Amino acid sequence: MIDKSSSESLRSKDTEILGTVGNCFSDDAKMSMRNINVFYDDNQAIKDISLDLARHQVTALIGPSGCGKSTFLRCLNRMNDTIPICRIEGEFSLDDEDIYARSMDPVLLRARVGMVFQKPNPFPKSIYENVAYGPKIHGLATNKAELDEIVITSLQKAGLFNEVKDRLDSPGTGLSGGQQQRLCIARSIAVSPEVILMDEPASALDPIATAVIEELIDELKEKFTIAIVTHSMQQAARISQTTAYFHMGQLVEMGPTTQIFTNPQHKLTENYITGRFG
């Protein structure tokens, strides 16, 4: 257990050193996070972060390895609940609903806030069953025709249907890396989420597959709110409307992507963007 006074002192000191530059809040927020602190036993991984995810926008979380980007992202659909030593403080809301309330079912929350991981992780099932799995367990289809429609529509939205329509009964694990990742995106959107979280979704892919994923993300923002962790500043610049720069567990600067990359307001952001460290 961390001593509260020591924790508050640490946060105050760090905030005084770094500050937060830019507008972290949105007039049309889909998710809002306030005063978020995350601890792994005695180690503080996230320090007093507050920000919004704007509706139907892509928000990129950038920063050096180990700065807390993925830890923060995993808080947004309670993936950190599975880690016994993890303790989370602060307020998280989805359309003004407290996602950490006792009445909130984490399984249902993860249907509303989907996640795509760094490494494609299709189930050891057919392409069809990979996409149908979520709608089945959440009771989103009452018959086979409705389930077929969900599967086809999800694969179409993921830009994969034309490539796999003649082999839906083939194993999802038999697809290429880029196709597997799009299958995972189709699986995520099959349960009609409101938010999609992406943790380095293209880092294991070749440039051609990466370009396809980036084009897909640009299309998906019309229907979903997206937050993406990426180590590629070029990728963040290409696909996001808002960028947040993390450093040592703190949010240093957040604002329109064009501003962050052309006129950063904080020296730490500038040093990272220009490649002086990272």
C-alpha atoms as a PDB file:
ATOM      1  CA  MET A   1       0.000   0.000   0.000  1.00  0.00           C
ATOM      2  CA  ILE A   2       1.346   3.444  -0.952  1.00  0.00           C
ATOM      3  CA  ASP A   3       1.327   6.169   1.641  1.00  0.00           C
ATOM      4  CA  LYS A   4      -1.220   8.720   0.379  1.00  0.00           C
ATOM      5  CA  SER A   5       0.750  11.785   1.485  1.00  0.00           C
ATOM      6  CA  SER A   6       3.915  10.509  -0.224  1.00  0.00           C
ATOM      7  CA  SER A   7       1.963   9.757  -3.383  1.00  0.00           C
ATOM      8  CA  GLU A   8       0.410  13.248  -3.432  1.00  0.00           C
ATOM      9  CA  SER A   9       3.829  14.823  -2.880  1.00  0.00           C
ATOM     10  CA  LEU A  10       5.321  12.860  -5.772  1.00  0.00           C
ATOM     11  CA  ARG A  11       2.497  13.862  -8.083  1.00  0.00           C
ATOM     12  CA  SER A  12       2.720  17.529  -7.129  1.00  0.00           C
ATOM     13  CA  LYS A  13       6.460  17.583  -7.716  1.00  0.00           C
ATOM     14  CA  ASP A  14       6.214  15.927 -11.126  1.00  0.00           C
ATOM     15  CA  THR A  15       3.333  18.149 -12.206  1.00  0.00           C
ATOM     16  CA  GLU A  16       5.351  21.205 -11.247  1.00  0.00           C
ATOM     17  CA  ILE A  17       8.280  19.999 -13.372  1.00  0.00           C
ATOM     18  CA  LEU A  18       6.333  18.953 -16.438  1.00  0.00           C
ATOM     19  CA  GLY A  19       2.968  20.640 -16.438  1.00  0.00           C
ATOM     20  CA  THR A  20       0.439  19.879 -19.151  1.00  0.00           C
ATOM     21  CA  VAL A  21       0.312  22.006 -22.274  1.00  0.00           C
ATOM     22  CA  GLY A  22      -2.627  22.289 -24.660  1.00  0.00           C
ATOM     23  CA  ASN A  23      -6.332  21.572 -24.510  1.00  0.00           C
ATOM     24  CA  CYS A  24      -6.932  18.054 -23.209  1.00  0.00           C
ATOM     25  CA  PHE A  25     -10.709  18.374 -23.154  1.00  0.00           C
ATOM     26  CA  SER A  26     -13.376  18.201 -25.838  1.00  0.00           C
ATOM     27  CA  ASP A  27     -16.780  19.825 -26.253  1.00  0.00           C
ATOM     28  CA  ASP A  28     -17.975  16.517 -27.725  1.00  0.00           C
ATOM     29  CA  ALA A  29     -16.246  13.895 -25.587  1.00  0.00           C
ATOM     30  CA  LYS A  30     -17.108  10.232 -25.983  1.00  0.00           C
ATOM     31  CA  MET A  31     -14.871   9.233 -23.049  1.00  0.00           C
ATOM     32  CA  SER A  32     -13.603  11.466 -20.259  1.00  0.00           C
ATOM     33  CA  MET A  33     -10.810  10.658 -17.829  1.00  0.00           C
ATOM     34  CA  ARG A  34     -10.032  12.814 -14.791  1.00  0.00           C
ATOM     35  CA  ASN A  35      -7.112  12.673 -12.338  1.00  0.00           C
ATOM     36  CA  ILE A  36      -6.049   9.155 -13.301  1.00  0.00           C
ATOM     37  CA  ASN A  37      -3.332   7.474 -11.270  1.00  0.00           C
ATOM     38  CA  VAL A  38      -2.236   3.869 -11.771  1.00  0.00           C
ATOM     39  CA  PHE A  39      -0.002   1.880  -9.431  1.00  0.00           C
ATOM     40  CA  TYR A  40       1.629  -1.539  -9.739  1.00  0.00           C
ATOM     41  CA  ASP A  41       2.284  -2.309  -6.069  1.00  0.00           C
ATOM     42  CA  ASP A  42       4.542   0.570  -4.991  1.00  0.00           C
ATOM     43  CA  ASN A  43       5.377   1.746  -8.506  1.00  0.00           C
ATOM     44  CA  GLN A  44       3.320   4.569  -9.961  1.00  0.00           C
ATOM     45  CA  ALA A  45       2.887   4.100 -13.719  1.00  0.00           C
ATOM     46  CA  ILE A  46       0.358   6.880 -14.449  1.00  0.00           C
ATOM     47  CA  LYS A  47       0.461  10.240 -12.656  1.00  0.00           C
ATOM     48  CA  ASP A  48      -2.608  12.464 -12.485  1.00  0.00           C
ATOM     49  CA  ILE A  49      -3.682  12.337 -16.138  1.00  0.00           C
ATOM     50  CA  SER A  50      -6.870  14.034 -17.353  1.00  0.00           C
ATOM     51  CA  LEU A  51      -8.031  14.008 -20.975  1.00  0.00           C
ATOM     52  CA  ASP A  52     -10.984  13.398 -23.278  1.00  0.00           C
ATOM     53  CA  LEU A  53     -11.442  11.218 -26.339  1.00  0.00           C
ATOM     54  CA  ALA A  54     -13.406  13.249 -28.861  1.00  0.00           C
ATOM     55  CA  ARG A  55     -16.303  11.507 -30.575  1.00  0.00           C
ATOM     56  CA  HIS A  56     -15.561  10.184 -34.091  1.00  0.00           C
ATOM     57  CA  GLN A  57     -11.923  11.188 -33.959  1.00  0.00           C
ATOM     58  CA  VAL A  58      -8.655   9.275 -33.824  1.00  0.00           C
ATOM     59  CA  THR A  59      -6.568  10.188 -30.767  1.00  0.00           C
ATOM     60  CA  ALA A  60      -2.939   9.054 -30.928  1.00  0.00           C
ATOM     61  CA  LEU A  61      -0.988   8.379 -27.729  1.00  0.00           C
ATOM     62  CA  ILE A  62       2.733   8.785 -28.371  1.00  0.00           C
ATOM     63  CA  GLY A  63       5.876   8.752 -26.248  1.00  0.00           C
ATOM     64  CA  PRO A  64       8.969   6.692 -25.412  1.00  0.00           C
ATOM     65  CA  SER A  65       8.748   3.033 -24.419  1.00  0.00           C
ATOM     66  CA  GLY A  66       7.621   2.594 -20.835  1.00  0.00           C
ATOM     67  CA  CYS A  67       5.969   6.008 -20.560  1.00  0.00           C
ATOM     68  CA  GLY A  68       2.536   4.604 -19.656  1.00  0.00           C
ATOM     69  CA  LYS A  69       0.683   4.765 -22.985  1.00  0.00           C
ATOM     70  CA  SER A  70      -0.453   1.126 -23.055  1.00  0.00           C
ATOM     71  CA  THR A  71      -1.175   1.084 -19.320  1.00  0.00           C
ATOM     72  CA  PHE A  72      -3.462   4.077 -19.758  1.00  0.00           C
ATOM     73  CA  LEU A  73      -5.142   2.544 -22.815  1.00  0.00           C
ATOM     74  CA  ARG A  74      -5.859  -0.693 -20.958  1.00  0.00           C
ATOM     75  CA  CYS A  75      -7.635   1.273 -18.231  1.00  0.00           C
ATOM     76  CA  LEU A  76     -10.246   2.423 -20.729  1.00  0.00           C
ATOM     77  CA  ASN A  77     -11.883  -1.004 -20.974  1.00  0.00           C
ATOM     78  CA  ARG A  78     -10.736  -2.317 -17.600  1.00  0.00           C
ATOM     79  CA  MET A  79      -8.178  -4.740 -18.999  1.00  0.00           C
ATOM     80  CA  ASN A  80      -5.990  -3.924 -15.987  1.00  0.00           C
ATOM     81  CA  ASP A  81      -8.639  -5.511 -13.742  1.00  0.00           C
ATOM     82  CA  THR A  82      -6.964  -8.836 -14.518  1.00  0.00           C
ATOM     83  CA  ILE A  83      -3.686  -7.710 -12.860  1.00  0.00           C
ATOM     84  CA  PRO A  84      -3.915  -8.261  -9.068  1.00  0.00           C
ATOM     85  CA  ILE A  85      -1.161  -5.763  -8.169  1.00  0.00           C
ATOM     86  CA  CYS A  86      -2.700  -2.973 -10.248  1.00  0.00           C
ATOM     87  CA  ARG A  87      -4.563  -0.176  -8.438  1.00  0.00           C
ATOM     88  CA  ILE A  88      -6.381   2.582 -10.309  1.00  0.00           C
ATOM     89  CA  GLU A  89      -7.558   5.951  -9.022  1.00  0.00           C
ATOM     90  CA  GLY A  90      -9.605   8.629 -10.757  1.00  0.00           C
ATOM     91  CA  GLU A  91     -12.754   8.965 -12.813  1.00  0.00           C
ATOM     92  CA  PHE A  92     -13.481   7.259 -16.140  1.00  0.00           C
ATOM     93  CA  SER A  93     -16.716   7.905 -17.987  1.00  0.00           C
ATOM     94  CA  LEU A  94     -18.249   6.716 -21.241  1.00  0.00           C
ATOM     95  CA  ASP A  95     -21.041   9.080 -22.276  1.00  0.00           C
ATOM     96  CA  ASP A  96     -21.098  10.311 -18.658  1.00  0.00           C
ATOM     97  CA  GLU A  97     -21.456   6.746 -17.316  1.00  0.00           C
ATOM     98  CA  ASP A  98     -18.893   5.610 -14.728  1.00  0.00           C
ATOM     99  CA  ILE A  99     -17.156   2.591 -16.254  1.00  0.00           C
ATOM    100  CA  TYR A 100     -15.662   1.576 -12.888  1.00  0.00           C
ATOM    101  CA  ALA A 101     -19.004   1.611 -11.069  1.00  0.00           C
ATOM    102  CA  ARG A 102     -19.903  -1.594  -9.237  1.00  0.00           C
ATOM    103  CA  SER A 103     -22.943  -1.932 -11.480  1.00  0.00           C
ATOM    104  CA  MET A 104     -20.813  -1.923 -14.646  1.00  0.00           C
ATOM    105  CA  ASP A 105     -20.226  -5.420 -16.030  1.00  0.00           C
ATOM    106  CA  PRO A 106     -16.656  -5.480 -17.431  1.00  0.00           C
ATOM    107  CA  VAL A 107     -17.671  -8.011 -20.102  1.00  0.00           C
ATOM    108  CA  LEU A 108     -20.414  -5.730 -21.383  1.00  0.00           C
ATOM    109  CA  LEU A 109     -18.066  -2.756 -21.150  1.00  0.00           C
ATOM    110  CA  ARG A 110     -15.535  -4.516 -23.386  1.00  0.00           C
ATOM    111  CA  ALA A 111     -18.265  -5.023 -25.955  1.00  0.00           C
ATOM    112  CA  ARG A 112     -18.773  -1.247 -25.958  1.00  0.00           C
ATOM    113  CA  VAL A 113     -15.046  -0.486 -25.818  1.00  0.00           C
ATOM    114  CA  GLY A 114     -13.272  -2.969 -28.084  1.00  0.00           C
ATOM    115  CA  MET A 115      -9.541  -3.557 -28.301  1.00  0.00           C
ATOM    116  CA  VAL A 116      -7.097  -4.516 -31.038  1.00  0.00           C
ATOM    117  CA  PHE A 117      -3.698  -5.665 -29.839  1.00  0.00           C
ATOM    118  CA  GLN A 118      -0.174  -5.273 -31.173  1.00  0.00           C
ATOM    119  CA  LYS A 119       0.091  -8.865 -32.359  1.00  0.00           C
ATOM    120  CA  PRO A 120      -2.849 -10.273 -34.332  1.00  0.00           C
ATOM    121  CA  ASN A 121      -4.581 -12.854 -32.153  1.00  0.00           C
ATOM    122  CA  PRO A 122      -7.274 -14.650 -34.156  1.00  0.00           C
ATOM    123  CA  PHE A 123      -9.037 -17.485 -32.381  1.00  0.00           C
ATOM    124  CA  PRO A 124      -8.151 -21.030 -33.532  1.00  0.00           C
ATOM    125  CA  LYS A 125     -11.457 -21.122 -35.368  1.00  0.00           C
ATOM    126  CA  SER A 126     -12.703 -20.424 -38.882  1.00  0.00           C
ATOM    127  CA  ILE A 127     -12.772 -16.904 -40.271  1.00  0.00           C
ATOM    128  CA  TYR A 128     -16.558 -16.947 -39.924  1.00  0.00           C
ATOM    129  CA  GLU A 129     -16.487 -18.155 -36.312  1.00  0.00           C
ATOM    130  CA  ASN A 130     -13.863 -15.557 -35.352  1.00  0.00           C
ATOM    131  CA  VAL A 131     -16.269 -12.780 -36.282  1.00  0.00           C
ATOM    132  CA  ALA A 132     -19.442 -14.565 -35.133  1.00  0.00           C
ATOM    133  CA  TYR A 133     -18.100 -15.373 -31.649  1.00  0.00           C
ATOM    134  CA  GLY A 134     -18.883 -12.011 -30.027  1.00  0.00           C
ATOM    135  CA  PRO A 135     -22.379 -11.582 -31.486  1.00  0.00           C
ATOM    136  CA  LYS A 136     -23.197 -15.139 -30.381  1.00  0.00           C
ATOM    137  CA  ILE A 137     -22.193 -14.700 -26.735  1.00  0.00           C
ATOM    138  CA  HIS A 138     -23.869 -11.289 -26.521  1.00  0.00           C
ATOM    139  CA  GLY A 139     -27.072 -12.518 -28.165  1.00  0.00           C
ATOM    140  CA  LEU A 140     -26.945  -9.993 -31.004  1.00  0.00           C
ATOM    141  CA  ALA A 141     -28.431 -12.364 -33.569  1.00  0.00           C
ATOM    142  CA  THR A 142     -31.625 -14.373 -33.217  1.00  0.00           C
ATOM    143  CA  ASN A 143     -31.061 -16.611 -36.225  1.00  0.00           C
ATOM    144  CA  LYS A 144     -28.442 -17.741 -38.737  1.00  0.00           C
ATOM    145  CA  ALA A 145     -29.440 -15.145 -41.335  1.00  0.00           C
ATOM    146  CA  GLU A 146     -28.906 -12.291 -38.864  1.00  0.00           C
ATOM    147  CA  LEU A 147     -25.564 -13.747 -37.789  1.00  0.00           C
ATOM    148  CA  ASP A 148     -24.472 -14.096 -41.416  1.00  0.00           C
ATOM    149  CA  GLU A 149     -25.327 -10.444 -42.006  1.00  0.00           C
ATOM    150  CA  ILE A 150     -23.295  -9.315 -38.991  1.00  0.00           C
ATOM    151  CA  VAL A 151     -20.289 -11.373 -40.100  1.00  0.00           C
ATOM    152  CA  ILE A 152     -20.397 -10.144 -43.690  1.00  0.00           C
ATOM    153  CA  THR A 153     -20.952  -6.508 -42.706  1.00  0.00           C
ATOM    154  CA  SER A 154     -18.103  -6.610 -40.166  1.00  0.00           C
ATOM    155  CA  LEU A 155     -15.702  -8.145 -42.676  1.00  0.00           C
ATOM    156  CA  GLN A 156     -16.728  -5.512 -45.219  1.00  0.00           C
ATOM    157  CA  LYS A 157     -16.122  -2.689 -42.734  1.00  0.00           C
ATOM    158  CA  ALA A 158     -12.698  -4.189 -42.001  1.00  0.00           C
ATOM    159  CA  GLY A 159     -11.896  -4.261 -45.720  1.00  0.00           C
ATOM    160  CA  LEU A 160     -11.443  -8.022 -45.676  1.00  0.00           C
ATOM    161  CA  PHE A 161     -14.615  -9.567 -47.104  1.00  0.00           C
ATOM    162  CA  ASN A 162     -13.615  -9.588 -50.779  1.00  0.00           C
ATOM    163  CA  GLU A 163     -10.381 -11.390 -49.891  1.00  0.00           C
ATOM    164  CA  VAL A 164     -11.984 -14.144 -47.802  1.00  0.00           C
ATOM    165  CA  LYS A 165     -15.590 -14.476 -49.042  1.00  0.00           C
ATOM    166  CA  ASP A 166     -14.848 -17.827 -50.713  1.00  0.00           C
ATOM    167  CA  ARG A 167     -13.114 -19.347 -47.704  1.00  0.00           C
ATOM    168  CA  LEU A 168     -15.049 -18.275 -44.611  1.00  0.00           C
ATOM    169  CA  ASP A 169     -14.752 -21.818 -43.250  1.00  0.00           C
ATOM    170  CA  SER A 170     -10.930 -21.720 -43.431  1.00  0.00           C
ATOM    171  CA  PRO A 171      -8.894 -21.135 -40.249  1.00  0.00           C
ATOM    172  CA  GLY A 172      -8.346 -17.495 -39.337  1.00  0.00           C
ATOM    173  CA  THR A 173      -4.789 -18.397 -38.362  1.00  0.00           C
ATOM    174  CA  GLY A 174      -4.088 -19.252 -41.998  1.00  0.00           C
ATOM    175  CA  LEU A 175      -4.378 -15.636 -43.113  1.00  0.00           C
ATOM    176  CA  SER A 176      -1.423 -13.306 -43.633  1.00  0.00           C
ATOM    177  CA  GLY A 177      -0.383 -11.007 -40.782  1.00  0.00           C
ATOM    178  CA  GLY A 178      -2.178  -8.002 -42.214  1.00  0.00           C
ATOM    179  CA  GLN A 179      -5.297 -10.021 -42.935  1.00  0.00           C
ATOM    180  CA  GLN A 180      -5.243 -11.472 -39.413  1.00  0.00           C
ATOM    181  CA  GLN A 181      -5.131  -7.982 -37.962  1.00  0.00           C
ATOM    182  CA  ARG A 182      -8.085  -6.904 -40.100  1.00  0.00           C
ATOM    183  CA  LEU A 183      -9.890 -10.061 -38.980  1.00  0.00           C
ATOM    184  CA  CYS A 184      -9.297  -8.992 -35.376  1.00  0.00           C
ATOM    185  CA  ILE A 185     -10.684  -5.547 -36.210  1.00  0.00           C
ATOM    186  CA  ALA A 186     -13.740  -7.207 -37.810  1.00  0.00           C
ATOM    187  CA  ARG A 187     -14.136  -9.332 -34.682  1.00  0.00           C
ATOM    188  CA  SER A 188     -14.001  -6.187 -32.555  1.00  0.00           C
ATOM    189  CA  ILE A 189     -16.582  -4.214 -34.539  1.00  0.00           C
ATOM    190  CA  ALA A 190     -18.954  -7.214 -34.884  1.00  0.00           C
ATOM    191  CA  VAL A 191     -20.397  -6.448 -31.424  1.00  0.00           C
ATOM    192  CA  SER A 192     -21.075  -2.810 -32.414  1.00  0.00           C
ATOM    193  CA  PRO A 193     -18.659  -1.089 -30.031  1.00  0.00           C
ATOM    194  CA  GLU A 194     -18.728   2.638 -29.444  1.00  0.00           C
ATOM    195  CA  VAL A 195     -14.976   2.992 -28.929  1.00  0.00           C
ATOM    196  CA  ILE A 196     -12.072   1.024 -30.421  1.00  0.00           C
ATOM    197  CA  LEU A 197      -8.716   0.928 -28.619  1.00  0.00           C
ATOM    198  CA  MET A 198      -5.670  -0.006 -30.691  1.00  0.00           C
ATOM    199  CA  ASP A 199      -2.315  -0.850 -29.129  1.00  0.00           C
ATOM    200  CA  GLU A 200       0.368  -0.672 -31.853  1.00  0.00           C
ATOM    201  CA  PRO A 201      -1.933  -2.429 -34.359  1.00  0.00           C
ATOM    202  CA  ALA A 202       0.513  -2.187 -37.275  1.00  0.00           C
ATOM    203  CA  SER A 203       3.881  -2.572 -35.579  1.00  0.00           C
ATOM    204  CA  ALA A 204       4.251  -6.223 -36.642  1.00  0.00           C
ATOM    205  CA  LEU A 205       3.120  -5.620 -40.234  1.00  0.00           C
ATOM    206  CA  ASP A 206       4.925  -4.820 -43.451  1.00  0.00           C
ATOM    207  CA  PRO A 207       4.542  -1.350 -45.052  1.00  0.00           C
ATOM    208  CA  ILE A 208       1.819  -2.451 -47.485  1.00  0.00           C
ATOM    209  CA  ALA A 209      -0.312  -4.064 -44.764  1.00  0.00           C
ATOM    210  CA  THR A 210       0.324  -1.042 -42.523  1.00  0.00           C
ATOM    211  CA  ALA A 211      -1.008   1.293 -45.221  1.00  0.00           C
ATOM    212  CA  VAL A 212      -4.164  -0.827 -45.505  1.00  0.00           C
ATOM    213  CA  ILE A 213      -4.709  -0.720 -41.722  1.00  0.00           C
ATOM    214  CA  GLU A 214      -4.174   3.057 -41.661  1.00  0.00           C
ATOM    215  CA  GLU A 215      -6.686   3.576 -44.474  1.00  0.00           C
ATOM    216  CA  LEU A 216      -9.133   1.383 -42.573  1.00  0.00           C
ATOM    217  CA  ILE A 217      -8.683   3.397 -39.370  1.00  0.00           C
ATOM    218  CA  ASP A 218      -9.444   6.586 -41.281  1.00  0.00           C
ATOM    219  CA  GLU A 219     -12.703   5.049 -42.519  1.00  0.00           C
ATOM    220  CA  LEU A 220     -13.680   3.572 -39.139  1.00  0.00           C
ATOM    221  CA  LYS A 221     -13.584   6.927 -37.355  1.00  0.00           C
ATOM    222  CA  GLU A 222     -16.790   7.870 -39.183  1.00  0.00           C
ATOM    223  CA  LYS A 223     -18.622   5.298 -37.020  1.00  0.00           C
ATOM    224  CA  PHE A 224     -16.363   4.817 -34.004  1.00  0.00           C
ATOM    225  CA  THR A 225     -14.228   6.795 -31.566  1.00  0.00           C
ATOM    226  CA  ILE A 226     -10.655   5.507 -31.759  1.00  0.00           C
ATOM    227  CA  ALA A 227      -7.630   5.739 -29.468  1.00  0.00           C
ATOM    228  CA  ILE A 228      -4.362   4.349 -30.791  1.00  0.00           C
ATOM    229  CA  VAL A 229      -0.995   3.815 -29.130  1.00  0.00           C
ATOM    230  CA  THR A 230       1.824   4.086 -31.652  1.00  0.00           C
ATOM    231  CA  HIS A 231       5.597   4.442 -31.586  1.00  0.00           C
ATOM    232  CA  SER A 232       5.508   5.712 -35.164  1.00  0.00           C
ATOM    233  CA  MET A 233       5.242   9.478 -35.200  1.00  0.00           C
ATOM    234  CA  GLN A 234       4.691   9.341 -38.952  1.00  0.00           C
ATOM    235  CA  GLN A 235       1.708   7.074 -38.386  1.00  0.00           C
ATOM    236  CA  ALA A 236       0.293   9.359 -35.699  1.00  0.00           C
ATOM    237  CA  ALA A 237       0.662  12.333 -38.039  1.00  0.00           C
ATOM    238  CA  ARG A 238      -1.090  10.486 -40.872  1.00  0.00           C
ATOM    239  CA  ILE A 239      -4.120   9.042 -39.129  1.00  0.00           C
ATOM    240  CA  SER A 240      -4.958  11.071 -36.007  1.00  0.00           C
ATOM    241  CA  GLN A 241      -6.772  14.328 -35.427  1.00  0.00           C
ATOM    242  CA  THR A 242      -5.536  14.707 -31.850  1.00  0.00           C
ATOM    243  CA  THR A 243      -2.204  13.661 -30.344  1.00  0.00           C
ATOM    244  CA  ALA A 244      -1.228  13.247 -26.697  1.00  0.00           C
ATOM    245  CA  TYR A 245       2.430  13.042 -25.699  1.00  0.00           C
ATOM    246  CA  PHE A 246       3.238  10.930 -22.636  1.00  0.00           C
ATOM    247  CA  HIS A 247       6.508  11.066 -20.687  1.00  0.00           C
ATOM    248  CA  MET A 248       7.364   9.039 -17.569  1.00  0.00           C
ATOM    249  CA  GLY A 249       3.726   8.358 -16.755  1.00  0.00           C
ATOM    250  CA  GLN A 250       2.532  11.912 -17.288  1.00  0.00           C
ATOM    251  CA  LEU A 251       0.601  13.667 -20.003  1.00  0.00           C
ATOM    252  CA  VAL A 252       2.947  16.438 -21.104  1.00  0.00           C
ATOM    253  CA  GLU A 253       1.066  17.906 -24.049  1.00  0.00           C
ATOM    254  CA  MET A 254      -2.116  17.285 -25.997  1.00  0.00           C
ATOM    255  CA  GLY A 255      -3.683  19.082 -28.925  1.00  0.00           C
ATOM    256  CA  PRO A 256      -4.473  18.987 -32.638  1.00  0.00           C
ATOM    257  CA  THR A 257      -2.048  16.633 -34.370  1.00  0.00           C
ATOM    258  CA  THR A 258      -0.862  19.282 -36.849  1.00  0.00           C
ATOM    259  CA  GLN A 259       0.022  21.610 -33.980  1.00  0.00           C
ATOM    260  CA  ILE A 260       1.793  18.942 -31.928  1.00  0.00           C
ATOM    261  CA  PHE A 261       4.001  17.987 -34.881  1.00  0.00           C
ATOM    262  CA  THR A 262       4.677  21.450 -36.292  1.00  0.00           C
ATOM    263  CA  ASN A 263       4.604  23.713 -33.250  1.00  0.00           C
ATOM    264  CA  PRO A 264       4.866  21.772 -29.959  1.00  0.00           C
ATOM    265  CA  GLN A 265       4.518  23.961 -26.892  1.00  0.00           C
ATOM    266  CA  HIS A 266       6.597  21.887 -24.461  1.00  0.00           C
ATOM    267  CA  LYS A 267      10.331  21.283 -24.747  1.00  0.00           C
ATOM    268  CA  LEU A 268       9.955  17.579 -23.943  1.00  0.00           C
ATOM    269  CA  THR A 269       7.476  17.174 -26.794  1.00  0.00           C
ATOM    270  CA  GLU A 270       9.765  19.036 -29.164  1.00  0.00           C
ATOM    271  CA  ASN A 271      12.746  16.889 -28.176  1.00  0.00           C
ATOM    272  CA  TYR A 272      10.768  13.702 -28.797  1.00  0.00           C
ATOM    273  CA  ILE A 273       9.269  14.854 -32.103  1.00  0.00           C
ATOM    274  CA  THR A 274      12.656  15.947 -33.425  1.00  0.00           C
ATOM    275  CA  GLY A 275      14.309  12.675 -32.405  1.00  0.00           C
ATOM    276  CA  ARG A 276      16.587  14.031 -29.686  1.00  0.00           C
ATOM    277  CA  PHE A 277      15.454  11.211 -27.436  1.00  0.00           C
ATOM    278  CA  GLY A 278      12.956   8.359 -27.484  1.00  0.00           C
END
